[in-house]
Amino acid sequence: MKYLGIDYGRKKIGLAISEGKLAEPMKVIRYKDIKLLVQQIKQIIQKENIEIIVVGISEGEMAEESKKFAKEIGAEVFDETLTSQDAISLSIQAGTGRKKRKKMEDAYAATIMLQNYLDSR
């Protein structure tokens, strides 16, 4: 089974992928138009033969936006509380340079969220 994890944000999203028990970072997509983003995600889902999509949700207003986005792409939702902070901490511990860390931190957060989802199943 192939999974896609998404760390949703208002200007960019992080993507992670898994074909088994381990999630790995895929990429970060910056966007301005949510409709174009939805099309782009649907293309990735089709191209990669994704079977399950998981969008991380946090709290408050962003949680509502994340749920709406998840519904648009036919995704499940899963708690992502503190994944961004965990991603930063783990990449610092791994010795990832600041420039690369900043560029990929949303994908790392998506990876942690997707891994937590996989571990919970």
PDB file of N, CA and C in Angstrom:
ATOM      1  N   MET A   1       0.839  -1.176   0.000  1.00  0.00           N
ATOM      2  CA  MET A   1       0.000   0.000   0.000  1.00  0.00           C
ATOM      3  C   MET A   1       0.888   1.244   0.000  1.00  0.00           C
ATOM      4  N   LYS A   2       0.486   2.252  -0.757  1.00  0.00           N
ATOM      5  CA  LYS A   2       1.271   3.472  -0.872  1.00  0.00           C
ATOM      6  C   LYS A   2       0.532   4.641  -0.231  1.00  0.00           C
ATOM      7  N   TYR A   3       1.235   5.374   0.639  1.00  0.00           N
ATOM      8  CA  TYR A   3       0.661   6.468   1.414  1.00  0.00           C
ATOM      9  C   TYR A   3       1.311   7.794   1.035  1.00  0.00           C
ATOM     10  N   LEU A   4       0.524   8.873   1.118  1.00  0.00           N
ATOM     11  CA  LEU A   4       1.031  10.230   0.957  1.00  0.00           C
ATOM     12  C   LEU A   4       0.639  11.009   2.192  1.00  0.00           C
ATOM     13  N   GLY A   5       1.622  11.597   2.864  1.00  0.00           N
ATOM     14  CA  GLY A   5       1.379  12.445   4.025  1.00  0.00           C
ATOM     15  C   GLY A   5       1.555  13.894   3.637  1.00  0.00           C
ATOM     16  N   ILE A   6       0.669  14.746   4.117  1.00  0.00           N
ATOM     17  CA  ILE A   6       0.709  16.165   3.752  1.00  0.00           C
ATOM     18  C   ILE A   6       0.685  17.028   5.004  1.00  0.00           C
ATOM     19  N   ASP A   7       1.688  17.903   5.121  1.00  0.00           N
ATOM     20  CA  ASP A   7       1.726  18.932   6.157  1.00  0.00           C
ATOM     21  C   ASP A   7       1.214  20.206   5.488  1.00  0.00           C
ATOM     22  N   TYR A   8      -0.032  20.553   5.749  1.00  0.00           N
ATOM     23  CA  TYR A   8      -0.696  21.670   5.074  1.00  0.00           C
ATOM     24  C   TYR A   8      -0.352  23.008   5.714  1.00  0.00           C
ATOM     25  N   GLY A   9      -0.079  23.987   4.867  1.00  0.00           N
ATOM     26  CA  GLY A   9       0.143  25.362   5.300  1.00  0.00           C
ATOM     27  C   GLY A   9      -0.474  26.322   4.303  1.00  0.00           C
ATOM     28  N   ARG A  10      -0.578  27.581   4.670  1.00  0.00           N
ATOM     29  CA  ARG A  10      -1.245  28.567   3.813  1.00  0.00           C
ATOM     30  C   ARG A  10      -0.421  28.979   2.597  1.00  0.00           C
ATOM     31  N   LYS A  11       0.886  28.819   2.656  1.00  0.00           N
ATOM     32  CA  LYS A  11       1.742  29.216   1.537  1.00  0.00           C
ATOM     33  C   LYS A  11       2.524  28.053   0.950  1.00  0.00           C
ATOM     34  N   LYS A  12       2.693  26.989   1.737  1.00  0.00           N
ATOM     35  CA  LYS A  12       3.433  25.825   1.261  1.00  0.00           C
ATOM     36  C   LYS A  12       2.974  24.583   2.000  1.00  0.00           C
ATOM     37  N   ILE A  13       3.193  23.445   1.351  1.00  0.00           N
ATOM     38  CA  ILE A  13       2.859  22.172   1.969  1.00  0.00           C
ATOM     39  C   ILE A  13       4.071  21.252   1.877  1.00  0.00           C
ATOM     40  N   GLY A  14       4.187  20.386   2.862  1.00  0.00           N
ATOM     41  CA  GLY A  14       5.228  19.373   2.843  1.00  0.00           C
ATOM     42  C   GLY A  14       4.610  18.036   2.499  1.00  0.00           C
ATOM     43  N   LEU A  15       5.325  17.256   1.708  1.00  0.00           N
ATOM     44  CA  LEU A  15       4.848  15.938   1.314  1.00  0.00           C
ATOM     45  C   LEU A  15       5.816  14.865   1.787  1.00  0.00           C
ATOM     46  N   ALA A  16       5.240  13.750   2.219  1.00  0.00           N
ATOM     47  CA  ALA A  16       6.021  12.566   2.593  1.00  0.00           C
ATOM     48  C   ALA A  16       5.333  11.369   1.962  1.00  0.00           C
ATOM     49  N   ILE A  17       6.102  10.323   1.730  1.00  0.00           N
ATOM     50  CA  ILE A  17       5.571   9.142   1.061  1.00  0.00           C
ATOM     51  C   ILE A  17       6.008   7.885   1.799  1.00  0.00           C
ATOM     52  N   SER A  18       5.209   6.845   1.671  1.00  0.00           N
ATOM     53  CA  SER A  18       5.559   5.562   2.265  1.00  0.00           C
ATOM     54  C   SER A  18       4.971   4.440   1.421  1.00  0.00           C
ATOM     55  N   GLU A  19       5.774   3.396   1.241  1.00  0.00           N
ATOM     56  CA  GLU A  19       5.291   2.202   0.546  1.00  0.00           C
ATOM     57  C   GLU A  19       5.222   1.023   1.498  1.00  0.00           C
ATOM     58  N   GLY A  20       5.480   1.251   2.748  1.00  0.00           N
ATOM     59  CA  GLY A  20       5.476   0.164   3.713  1.00  0.00           C
ATOM     60  C   GLY A  20       5.328   0.704   5.109  1.00  0.00           C
ATOM     61  N   LYS A  21       6.329   0.412   5.932  1.00  0.00           N
ATOM     62  CA  LYS A  21       6.263   0.817   7.336  1.00  0.00           C
ATOM     63  C   LYS A  21       7.036   2.084   7.649  1.00  0.00           C
ATOM     64  N   LEU A  22       7.837   2.571   6.695  1.00  0.00           N
ATOM     65  CA  LEU A  22       8.652   3.764   6.939  1.00  0.00           C
ATOM     66  C   LEU A  22       8.281   4.900   6.003  1.00  0.00           C
ATOM     67  N   ALA A  23       8.073   6.074   6.589  1.00  0.00           N
ATOM     68  CA  ALA A  23       7.776   7.276   5.814  1.00  0.00           C
ATOM     69  C   ALA A  23       9.077   7.987   5.487  1.00  0.00           C
ATOM     70  N   GLU A  24       9.109   8.649   4.330  1.00  0.00           N
ATOM     71  CA  GLU A  24      10.283   9.440   3.961  1.00  0.00           C
ATOM     72  C   GLU A  24       9.843  10.743   3.310  1.00  0.00           C
ATOM     73  N   PRO A  25      10.655  11.797   3.481  1.00  0.00           N
ATOM     74  CA  PRO A  25      10.278  13.095   2.904  1.00  0.00           C
ATOM     75  C   PRO A  25      10.260  13.020   1.380  1.00  0.00           C
ATOM     76  N   MET A  26       9.330  13.733   0.784  1.00  0.00           N
ATOM     77  CA  MET A  26       9.219  13.762  -0.672  1.00  0.00           C
ATOM     78  C   MET A  26       9.661  15.130  -1.202  1.00  0.00           C
ATOM     79  N   LYS A  27       8.858  16.173  -0.875  1.00  0.00           N
ATOM     80  CA  LYS A  27       9.201  17.526  -1.316  1.00  0.00           C
ATOM     81  C   LYS A  27       8.305  18.549  -0.655  1.00  0.00           C
ATOM     82  N   VAL A  28       8.621  19.808  -0.905  1.00  0.00           N
ATOM     83  CA  VAL A  28       7.815  20.934  -0.428  1.00  0.00           C
ATOM     84  C   VAL A  28       7.285  21.652  -1.665  1.00  0.00           C
ATOM     85  N   ILE A  29       6.005  21.990  -1.626  1.00  0.00           N
ATOM     86  CA  ILE A  29       5.385  22.726  -2.729  1.00  0.00           C
ATOM     87  C   ILE A  29       4.939  24.085  -2.207  1.00  0.00           C
ATOM     88  N   ARG A  30       5.429  25.130  -2.838  1.00  0.00           N
ATOM     89  CA  ARG A  30       4.969  26.490  -2.533  1.00  0.00           C
ATOM     90  C   ARG A  30       3.846  26.806  -3.515  1.00  0.00           C
ATOM     91  N   TYR A  31       2.821  27.524  -3.039  1.00  0.00           N
ATOM     92  CA  TYR A  31       1.686  27.804  -3.907  1.00  0.00           C
ATOM     93  C   TYR A  31       1.045  29.139  -3.557  1.00  0.00           C
ATOM     94  N   LYS A  32       0.274  29.656  -4.512  1.00  0.00           N
ATOM     95  CA  LYS A  32      -0.495  30.880  -4.291  1.00  0.00           C
ATOM     96  C   LYS A  32      -1.985  30.624  -4.496  1.00  0.00           C
ATOM     97  N   ASP A  33      -2.317  29.669  -5.355  1.00  0.00           N
ATOM     98  CA  ASP A  33      -3.706  29.380  -5.687  1.00  0.00           C
ATOM     99  C   ASP A  33      -4.059  27.975  -5.211  1.00  0.00           C
ATOM    100  N   ILE A  34      -5.000  27.872  -4.278  1.00  0.00           N
ATOM    101  CA  ILE A  34      -5.371  26.584  -3.689  1.00  0.00           C
ATOM    102  C   ILE A  34      -5.937  25.635  -4.742  1.00  0.00           C
ATOM    103  N   LYS A  35      -6.648  26.159  -5.735  1.00  0.00           N
ATOM    104  CA  LYS A  35      -7.214  25.302  -6.783  1.00  0.00           C
ATOM    105  C   LYS A  35      -6.110  24.643  -7.602  1.00  0.00           C
ATOM    106  N   LEU A  36      -5.071  25.403  -7.914  1.00  0.00           N
ATOM    107  CA  LEU A  36      -3.940  24.828  -8.645  1.00  0.00           C
ATOM    108  C   LEU A  36      -3.200  23.806  -7.777  1.00  0.00           C
ATOM    109  N   LEU A  37      -3.113  24.080  -6.477  1.00  0.00           N
ATOM    110  CA  LEU A  37      -2.477  23.137  -5.562  1.00  0.00           C
ATOM    111  C   LEU A  37      -3.241  21.811  -5.544  1.00  0.00           C
ATOM    112  N   VAL A  38      -4.563  21.891  -5.452  1.00  0.00           N
ATOM    113  CA  VAL A  38      -5.384  20.675  -5.441  1.00  0.00           C
ATOM    114  C   VAL A  38      -5.150  19.870  -6.713  1.00  0.00           C
ATOM    115  N   GLN A  39      -5.085  20.550  -7.863  1.00  0.00           N
ATOM    116  CA  GLN A  39      -4.806  19.858  -9.136  1.00  0.00           C
ATOM    117  C   GLN A  39      -3.434  19.189  -9.099  1.00  0.00           C
ATOM    118  N   GLN A  40      -2.450  19.902  -8.593  1.00  0.00           N
ATOM    119  CA  GLN A  40      -1.086  19.372  -8.511  1.00  0.00           C
ATOM    120  C   GLN A  40      -1.029  18.142  -7.603  1.00  0.00           C
ATOM    121  N   ILE A  41      -1.711  18.196  -6.473  1.00  0.00           N
ATOM    122  CA  ILE A  41      -1.737  17.062  -5.550  1.00  0.00           C
ATOM    123  C   ILE A  41      -2.415  15.863  -6.210  1.00  0.00           C
ATOM    124  N   LYS A  42      -3.522  16.109  -6.898  1.00  0.00           N
ATOM    125  CA  LYS A  42      -4.227  15.020  -7.584  1.00  0.00           C
ATOM    126  C   LYS A  42      -3.345  14.373  -8.647  1.00  0.00           C
ATOM    127  N   GLN A  43      -2.531  15.173  -9.327  1.00  0.00           N
ATOM    128  CA  GLN A  43      -1.593  14.616 -10.315  1.00  0.00           C
ATOM    129  C   GLN A  43      -0.551  13.730  -9.635  1.00  0.00           C
ATOM    130  N   ILE A  44      -0.041  14.178  -8.496  1.00  0.00           N
ATOM    131  CA  ILE A  44       0.941  13.387  -7.748  1.00  0.00           C
ATOM    132  C   ILE A  44       0.310  12.071  -7.290  1.00  0.00           C
ATOM    133  N   ILE A  45      -0.911  12.142  -6.787  1.00  0.00           N
ATOM    134  CA  ILE A  45      -1.618  10.948  -6.323  1.00  0.00           C
ATOM    135  C   ILE A  45      -1.746   9.929  -7.453  1.00  0.00           C
ATOM    136  N   GLN A  46      -2.111  10.425  -8.620  1.00  0.00           N
ATOM    137  CA  GLN A  46      -2.274   9.534  -9.769  1.00  0.00           C
ATOM    138  C   GLN A  46      -0.925   8.987 -10.252  1.00  0.00           C
ATOM    139  N   LYS A  47       0.050   9.861 -10.405  1.00  0.00           N
ATOM    140  CA  LYS A  47       1.369   9.463 -10.910  1.00  0.00           C
ATOM    141  C   LYS A  47       2.039   8.446  -9.984  1.00  0.00           C
ATOM    142  N   GLU A  48       1.927   8.653  -8.675  1.00  0.00           N
ATOM    143  CA  GLU A  48       2.594   7.786  -7.700  1.00  0.00           C
ATOM    144  C   GLU A  48       1.733   6.587  -7.259  1.00  0.00           C
ATOM    145  N   ASN A  49       0.523   6.487  -7.806  1.00  0.00           N
ATOM    146  CA  ASN A  49      -0.404   5.406  -7.433  1.00  0.00           C
ATOM    147  C   ASN A  49      -0.657   5.363  -5.923  1.00  0.00           C
ATOM    148  N   ILE A  50      -0.941   6.530  -5.362  1.00  0.00           N
ATOM    149  CA  ILE A  50      -1.196   6.653  -3.929  1.00  0.00           C
ATOM    150  C   ILE A  50      -2.569   6.056  -3.605  1.00  0.00           C
ATOM    151  N   GLU A  51      -2.611   5.236  -2.568  1.00  0.00           N
ATOM    152  CA  GLU A  51      -3.871   4.624  -2.160  1.00  0.00           C
ATOM    153  C   GLU A  51      -4.495   5.324  -0.960  1.00  0.00           C
ATOM    154  N   ILE A  52      -3.674   5.824  -0.045  1.00  0.00           N
ATOM    155  CA  ILE A  52      -4.185   6.504   1.146  1.00  0.00           C
ATOM    156  C   ILE A  52      -3.455   7.835   1.299  1.00  0.00           C
ATOM    157  N   ILE A  53      -4.245   8.900   1.472  1.00  0.00           N
ATOM    158  CA  ILE A  53      -3.702  10.241   1.669  1.00  0.00           C
ATOM    159  C   ILE A  53      -4.058  10.669   3.087  1.00  0.00           C
ATOM    160  N   VAL A  54      -3.069  11.231   3.782  1.00  0.00           N
ATOM    161  CA  VAL A  54      -3.276  11.666   5.160  1.00  0.00           C
ATOM    162  C   VAL A  54      -2.818  13.119   5.284  1.00  0.00           C
ATOM    163  N   VAL A  55      -3.730  13.973   5.719  1.00  0.00           N
ATOM    164  CA  VAL A  55      -3.407  15.382   5.933  1.00  0.00           C
ATOM    165  C   VAL A  55      -3.331  15.614   7.437  1.00  0.00           C
ATOM    166  N   GLY A  56      -2.242  16.216   7.869  1.00  0.00           N
ATOM    167  CA  GLY A  56      -2.076  16.529   9.287  1.00  0.00           C
ATOM    168  C   GLY A  56      -2.936  17.711   9.689  1.00  0.00           C
ATOM    169  N   ILE A  57      -3.561  17.591  10.851  1.00  0.00           N
ATOM    170  CA  ILE A  57      -4.328  18.722  11.371  1.00  0.00           C
ATOM    171  C   ILE A  57      -3.780  19.121  12.735  1.00  0.00           C
ATOM    172  N   SER A  58      -3.783  20.419  12.974  1.00  0.00           N
ATOM    173  CA  SER A  58      -3.317  20.925  14.269  1.00  0.00           C
ATOM    174  C   SER A  58      -4.522  21.407  15.048  1.00  0.00           C
ATOM    175  N   GLU A  59      -4.514  22.659  15.467  1.00  0.00           N
ATOM    176  CA  GLU A  59      -5.608  23.169  16.284  1.00  0.00           C
ATOM    177  C   GLU A  59      -6.139  24.470  15.699  1.00  0.00           C
ATOM    178  N   GLY A  60      -7.324  24.841  16.139  1.00  0.00           N
ATOM    179  CA  GLY A  60      -7.888  26.140  15.811  1.00  0.00           C
ATOM    180  C   GLY A  60      -8.244  26.327  14.354  1.00  0.00           C
ATOM    181  N   GLU A  61      -8.020  27.543  13.870  1.00  0.00           N
ATOM    182  CA  GLU A  61      -8.389  27.927  12.515  1.00  0.00           C
ATOM    183  C   GLU A  61      -7.666  27.085  11.466  1.00  0.00           C
ATOM    184  N   MET A  62      -6.398  26.808  11.683  1.00  0.00           N
ATOM    185  CA  MET A  62      -5.638  25.994  10.727  1.00  0.00           C
ATOM    186  C   MET A  62      -6.202  24.586  10.638  1.00  0.00           C
ATOM    187  N   ALA A  63      -6.729  24.056  11.729  1.00  0.00           N
ATOM    188  CA  ALA A  63      -7.331  22.720  11.706  1.00  0.00           C
ATOM    189  C   ALA A  63      -8.517  22.701  10.750  1.00  0.00           C
ATOM    190  N   GLU A  64      -9.319  23.746  10.799  1.00  0.00           N
ATOM    191  CA  GLU A  64     -10.492  23.821   9.916  1.00  0.00           C
ATOM    192  C   GLU A  64     -10.061  23.924   8.453  1.00  0.00           C
ATOM    193  N   GLU A  65      -9.046  24.732   8.177  1.00  0.00           N
ATOM    194  CA  GLU A  65      -8.538  24.849   6.810  1.00  0.00           C
ATOM    195  C   GLU A  65      -7.969  23.516   6.325  1.00  0.00           C
ATOM    196  N   SER A  66      -7.236  22.834   7.205  1.00  0.00           N
ATOM    197  CA  SER A  66      -6.648  21.537   6.857  1.00  0.00           C
ATOM    198  C   SER A  66      -7.729  20.502   6.561  1.00  0.00           C
ATOM    199  N   LYS A  67      -8.784  20.496   7.362  1.00  0.00           N
ATOM    200  CA  LYS A  67      -9.892  19.553   7.139  1.00  0.00           C
ATOM    201  C   LYS A  67     -10.571  19.814   5.801  1.00  0.00           C
ATOM    202  N   LYS A  68     -10.771  21.085   5.485  1.00  0.00           N
ATOM    203  CA  LYS A  68     -11.395  21.461   4.209  1.00  0.00           C
ATOM    204  C   LYS A  68     -10.513  20.993   3.039  1.00  0.00           C
ATOM    205  N   PHE A  69      -9.215  21.231   3.161  1.00  0.00           N
ATOM    206  CA  PHE A  69      -8.280  20.799   2.125  1.00  0.00           C
ATOM    207  C   PHE A  69      -8.309  19.274   1.986  1.00  0.00           C
ATOM    208  N   ALA A  70      -8.303  18.567   3.107  1.00  0.00           N
ATOM    209  CA  ALA A  70      -8.329  17.102   3.089  1.00  0.00           C
ATOM    210  C   ALA A  70      -9.574  16.595   2.374  1.00  0.00           C
ATOM    211  N   LYS A  71     -10.695  17.226   2.643  1.00  0.00           N
ATOM    212  CA  LYS A  71     -11.948  16.816   2.005  1.00  0.00           C
ATOM    213  C   LYS A  71     -11.873  16.998   0.487  1.00  0.00           C
ATOM    214  N   GLU A  72     -11.255  18.103   0.050  1.00  0.00           N
ATOM    215  CA  GLU A  72     -11.137  18.388  -1.386  1.00  0.00           C
ATOM    216  C   GLU A  72     -10.323  17.333  -2.127  1.00  0.00           C
ATOM    217  N   ILE A  73      -9.346  16.742  -1.454  1.00  0.00           N
ATOM    218  CA  ILE A  73      -8.493  15.758  -2.137  1.00  0.00           C
ATOM    219  C   ILE A  73      -8.807  14.322  -1.722  1.00  0.00           C
ATOM    220  N   GLY A  74      -9.844  14.138  -0.923  1.00  0.00           N
ATOM    221  CA  GLY A  74     -10.248  12.796  -0.518  1.00  0.00           C
ATOM    222  C   GLY A  74      -9.299  12.144   0.467  1.00  0.00           C
ATOM    223  N   ALA A  75      -8.824  12.926   1.425  1.00  0.00           N
ATOM    224  CA  ALA A  75      -7.817  12.438   2.374  1.00  0.00           C
ATOM    225  C   ALA A  75      -8.401  12.209   3.763  1.00  0.00           C
ATOM    226  N   GLU A  76      -7.719  11.372   4.517  1.00  0.00           N
ATOM    227  CA  GLU A  76      -7.984  11.215   5.940  1.00  0.00           C
ATOM    228  C   GLU A  76      -7.255  12.348   6.661  1.00  0.00           C
ATOM    229  N   VAL A  77      -7.614  12.589   7.922  1.00  0.00           N
ATOM    230  CA  VAL A  77      -6.882  13.557   8.727  1.00  0.00           C
ATOM    231  C   VAL A  77      -6.270  12.843   9.929  1.00  0.00           C
ATOM    232  N   PHE A  78      -5.147  13.402  10.400  1.00  0.00           N
ATOM    233  CA  PHE A  78      -4.445  12.810  11.530  1.00  0.00           C
ATOM    234  C   PHE A  78      -3.751  13.935  12.292  1.00  0.00           C
ATOM    235  N   ASP A  79      -3.698  13.821  13.597  1.00  0.00           N
ATOM    236  CA  ASP A  79      -3.101  14.855  14.451  1.00  0.00           C
ATOM    237  C   ASP A  79      -1.628  15.082  14.108  1.00  0.00           C
ATOM    238  N   GLU A  80      -1.272  16.334  13.892  1.00  0.00           N
ATOM    239  CA  GLU A  80       0.121  16.675  13.584  1.00  0.00           C
ATOM    240  C   GLU A  80       0.729  17.609  14.627  1.00  0.00           C
ATOM    241  N   THR A  81       0.097  17.714  15.771  1.00  0.00           N
ATOM    242  CA  THR A  81       0.565  18.631  16.797  1.00  0.00           C
ATOM    243  C   THR A  81       2.051  18.424  17.090  1.00  0.00           C
ATOM    244  N   LEU A  82       2.801  19.500  17.041  1.00  0.00           N
ATOM    245  CA  LEU A  82       4.236  19.569  17.344  1.00  0.00           C
ATOM    246  C   LEU A  82       5.156  18.882  16.336  1.00  0.00           C
ATOM    247  N   THR A  83       4.638  18.428  15.188  1.00  0.00           N
ATOM    248  CA  THR A  83       5.527  17.761  14.227  1.00  0.00           C
ATOM    249  C   THR A  83       6.558  18.717  13.638  1.00  0.00           C
ATOM    250  N   SER A  84       6.190  19.981  13.449  1.00  0.00           N
ATOM    251  CA  SER A  84       7.164  20.938  12.901  1.00  0.00           C
ATOM    252  C   SER A  84       8.326  21.135  13.868  1.00  0.00           C
ATOM    253  N   GLN A  85       8.023  21.260  15.162  1.00  0.00           N
ATOM    254  CA  GLN A  85       9.080  21.418  16.160  1.00  0.00           C
ATOM    255  C   GLN A  85       9.932  20.148  16.235  1.00  0.00           C
ATOM    256  N   ASP A  86       9.292  18.986  16.169  1.00  0.00           N
ATOM    257  CA  ASP A  86      10.030  17.722  16.167  1.00  0.00           C
ATOM    258  C   ASP A  86      10.936  17.612  14.943  1.00  0.00           C
ATOM    259  N   ALA A  87      10.429  18.047  13.790  1.00  0.00           N
ATOM    260  CA  ALA A  87      11.212  17.983  12.557  1.00  0.00           C
ATOM    261  C   ALA A  87      12.462  18.847  12.656  1.00  0.00           C
ATOM    262  N   ILE A  88      12.310  20.044  13.195  1.00  0.00           N
ATOM    263  CA  ILE A  88      13.453  20.941  13.356  1.00  0.00           C
ATOM    264  C   ILE A  88      14.472  20.322  14.316  1.00  0.00           C
ATOM    265  N   SER A  89      13.998  19.845  15.432  1.00  0.00           N
ATOM    266  CA  SER A  89      14.876  19.246  16.439  1.00  0.00           C
ATOM    267  C   SER A  89      15.636  18.037  15.892  1.00  0.00           C
ATOM    268  N   LEU A  90      14.918  17.149  15.209  1.00  0.00           N
ATOM    269  CA  LEU A  90      15.564  15.944  14.670  1.00  0.00           C
ATOM    270  C   LEU A  90      16.567  16.274  13.568  1.00  0.00           C
ATOM    271  N   SER A  91      16.244  17.259  12.716  1.00  0.00           N
ATOM    272  CA  SER A  91      17.185  17.592  11.648  1.00  0.00           C
ATOM    273  C   SER A  91      18.426  18.295  12.194  1.00  0.00           C
ATOM    274  N   ILE A  92      18.286  19.035  13.285  1.00  0.00           N
ATOM    275  CA  ILE A  92      19.457  19.628  13.943  1.00  0.00           C
ATOM    276  C   ILE A  92      20.327  18.514  14.522  1.00  0.00           C
ATOM    277  N   GLN A  93      19.688  17.558  15.207  1.00  0.00           N
ATOM    278  CA  GLN A  93      20.422  16.419  15.776  1.00  0.00           C
ATOM    279  C   GLN A  93      21.132  15.608  14.708  1.00  0.00           C
ATOM    280  N   ALA A  94      20.517  15.538  13.519  1.00  0.00           N
ATOM    281  CA  ALA A  94      21.115  14.765  12.424  1.00  0.00           C
ATOM    282  C   ALA A  94      22.226  15.536  11.710  1.00  0.00           C
ATOM    283  N   GLY A  95      22.409  16.800  12.097  1.00  0.00           N
ATOM    284  CA  GLY A  95      23.475  17.597  11.504  1.00  0.00           C
ATOM    285  C   GLY A  95      23.109  18.221  10.166  1.00  0.00           C
ATOM    286  N   THR A  96      21.814  18.301   9.863  1.00  0.00           N
ATOM    287  CA  THR A  96      21.369  18.913   8.612  1.00  0.00           C
ATOM    288  C   THR A  96      21.624  20.412   8.680  1.00  0.00           C
ATOM    289  N   GLY A  97      22.236  20.947   7.641  1.00  0.00           N
ATOM    290  CA  GLY A  97      22.540  22.374   7.599  1.00  0.00           C
ATOM    291  C   GLY A  97      21.283  23.225   7.634  1.00  0.00           C
ATOM    292  N   ARG A  98      21.439  24.436   8.130  1.00  0.00           N
ATOM    293  CA  ARG A  98      20.298  25.345   8.301  1.00  0.00           C
ATOM    294  C   ARG A  98      19.559  25.601   6.987  1.00  0.00           C
ATOM    295  N   LYS A  99      20.288  25.803   5.902  1.00  0.00           N
ATOM    296  CA  LYS A  99      19.679  26.115   4.613  1.00  0.00           C
ATOM    297  C   LYS A  99      18.807  24.952   4.116  1.00  0.00           C
ATOM    298  N   LYS A 100      19.347  23.751   4.170  1.00  0.00           N
ATOM    299  CA  LYS A 100      18.591  22.570   3.734  1.00  0.00           C
ATOM    300  C   LYS A 100      17.427  22.314   4.690  1.00  0.00           C
ATOM    301  N   ARG A 101      17.665  22.500   5.971  1.00  0.00           N
ATOM    302  CA  ARG A 101      16.629  22.274   6.971  1.00  0.00           C
ATOM    303  C   ARG A 101      15.439  23.204   6.716  1.00  0.00           C
ATOM    304  N   LYS A 102      15.701  24.485   6.471  1.00  0.00           N
ATOM    305  CA  LYS A 102      14.637  25.455   6.212  1.00  0.00           C
ATOM    306  C   LYS A 102      13.869  25.092   4.940  1.00  0.00           C
ATOM    307  N   LYS A 103      14.577  24.641   3.933  1.00  0.00           N
ATOM    308  CA  LYS A 103      13.977  24.298   2.649  1.00  0.00           C
ATOM    309  C   LYS A 103      13.052  23.088   2.759  1.00  0.00           C
ATOM    310  N   MET A 104      13.411  22.130   3.603  1.00  0.00           N
ATOM    311  CA  MET A 104      12.684  20.862   3.658  1.00  0.00           C
ATOM    312  C   MET A 104      11.894  20.629   4.943  1.00  0.00           C
ATOM    313  N   GLU A 105      11.840  21.595   5.873  1.00  0.00           N
ATOM    314  CA  GLU A 105      11.235  21.306   7.176  1.00  0.00           C
ATOM    315  C   GLU A 105       9.764  20.905   7.080  1.00  0.00           C
ATOM    316  N   ASP A 106       9.021  21.415   6.100  1.00  0.00           N
ATOM    317  CA  ASP A 106       7.618  21.005   5.960  1.00  0.00           C
ATOM    318  C   ASP A 106       7.510  19.552   5.503  1.00  0.00           C
ATOM    319  N   ALA A 107       8.429  19.124   4.645  1.00  0.00           N
ATOM    320  CA  ALA A 107       8.449  17.718   4.222  1.00  0.00           C
ATOM    321  C   ALA A 107       8.849  16.825   5.395  1.00  0.00           C
ATOM    322  N   TYR A 108       9.777  17.290   6.226  1.00  0.00           N
ATOM    323  CA  TYR A 108      10.165  16.516   7.412  1.00  0.00           C
ATOM    324  C   TYR A 108       8.988  16.404   8.386  1.00  0.00           C
ATOM    325  N   ALA A 109       8.238  17.506   8.553  1.00  0.00           N
ATOM    326  CA  ALA A 109       7.062  17.467   9.437  1.00  0.00           C
ATOM    327  C   ALA A 109       6.016  16.500   8.887  1.00  0.00           C
ATOM    328  N   ALA A 110       5.827  16.506   7.561  1.00  0.00           N
ATOM    329  CA  ALA A 110       4.890  15.562   6.938  1.00  0.00           C
ATOM    330  C   ALA A 110       5.354  14.129   7.163  1.00  0.00           C
ATOM    331  N   THR A 111       6.663  13.924   7.140  1.00  0.00           N
ATOM    332  CA  THR A 111       7.223  12.581   7.354  1.00  0.00           C
ATOM    333  C   THR A 111       6.946  12.107   8.778  1.00  0.00           C
ATOM    334  N   ILE A 112       7.154  12.970   9.751  1.00  0.00           N
ATOM    335  CA  ILE A 112       6.898  12.600  11.152  1.00  0.00           C
ATOM    336  C   ILE A 112       5.416  12.296  11.348  1.00  0.00           C
ATOM    337  N   MET A 113       4.549  13.151  10.794  1.00  0.00           N
ATOM    338  CA  MET A 113       3.107  12.927  10.918  1.00  0.00           C
ATOM    339  C   MET A 113       2.709  11.606  10.274  1.00  0.00           C
ATOM    340  N   LEU A 114       3.212  11.343   9.050  1.00  0.00           N
ATOM    341  CA  LEU A 114       2.867  10.103   8.352  1.00  0.00           C
ATOM    342  C   LEU A 114       3.406   8.892   9.107  1.00  0.00           C
ATOM    343  N   GLN A 115       4.613   9.011   9.652  1.00  0.00           N
ATOM    344  CA  GLN A 115       5.183   7.899  10.424  1.00  0.00           C
ATOM    345  C   GLN A 115       4.338   7.622  11.665  1.00  0.00           C
ATOM    346  N   ASN A 116       3.894   8.659  12.348  1.00  0.00           N
ATOM    347  CA  ASN A 116       3.013   8.490  13.508  1.00  0.00           C
ATOM    348  C   ASN A 116       1.710   7.806  13.089  1.00  0.00           C
ATOM    349  N   TYR A 117       1.192   8.198  11.938  1.00  0.00           N
ATOM    350  CA  TYR A 117      -0.033   7.576  11.419  1.00  0.00           C
ATOM    351  C   TYR A 117       0.212   6.080  11.157  1.00  0.00           C
ATOM    352  N   LEU A 118       1.305   5.767  10.480  1.00  0.00           N
ATOM    353  CA  LEU A 118       1.611   4.365  10.173  1.00  0.00           C
ATOM    354  C   LEU A 118       1.807   3.548  11.450  1.00  0.00           C
ATOM    355  N   ASP A 119       2.494   4.134  12.424  1.00  0.00           N
ATOM    356  CA  ASP A 119       2.751   3.444  13.691  1.00  0.00           C
ATOM    357  C   ASP A 119       1.461   3.192  14.479  1.00  0.00           C
ATOM    358  N   SER A 120       0.459   4.032  14.278  1.00  0.00           N
ATOM    359  CA  SER A 120      -0.794   3.905  15.016  1.00  0.00           C
ATOM    360  C   SER A 120      -1.721   2.826  14.451  1.00  0.00           C
ATOM    361  N   ARG A 121      -1.393   2.329  13.298  1.00  0.00           N
ATOM    362  CA  ARG A 121      -2.263   1.351  12.624  1.00  0.00           C
ATOM    363  C   ARG A 121      -1.936  -0.070  13.008  1.00  0.00           C
TER     364      ARG A 121
END
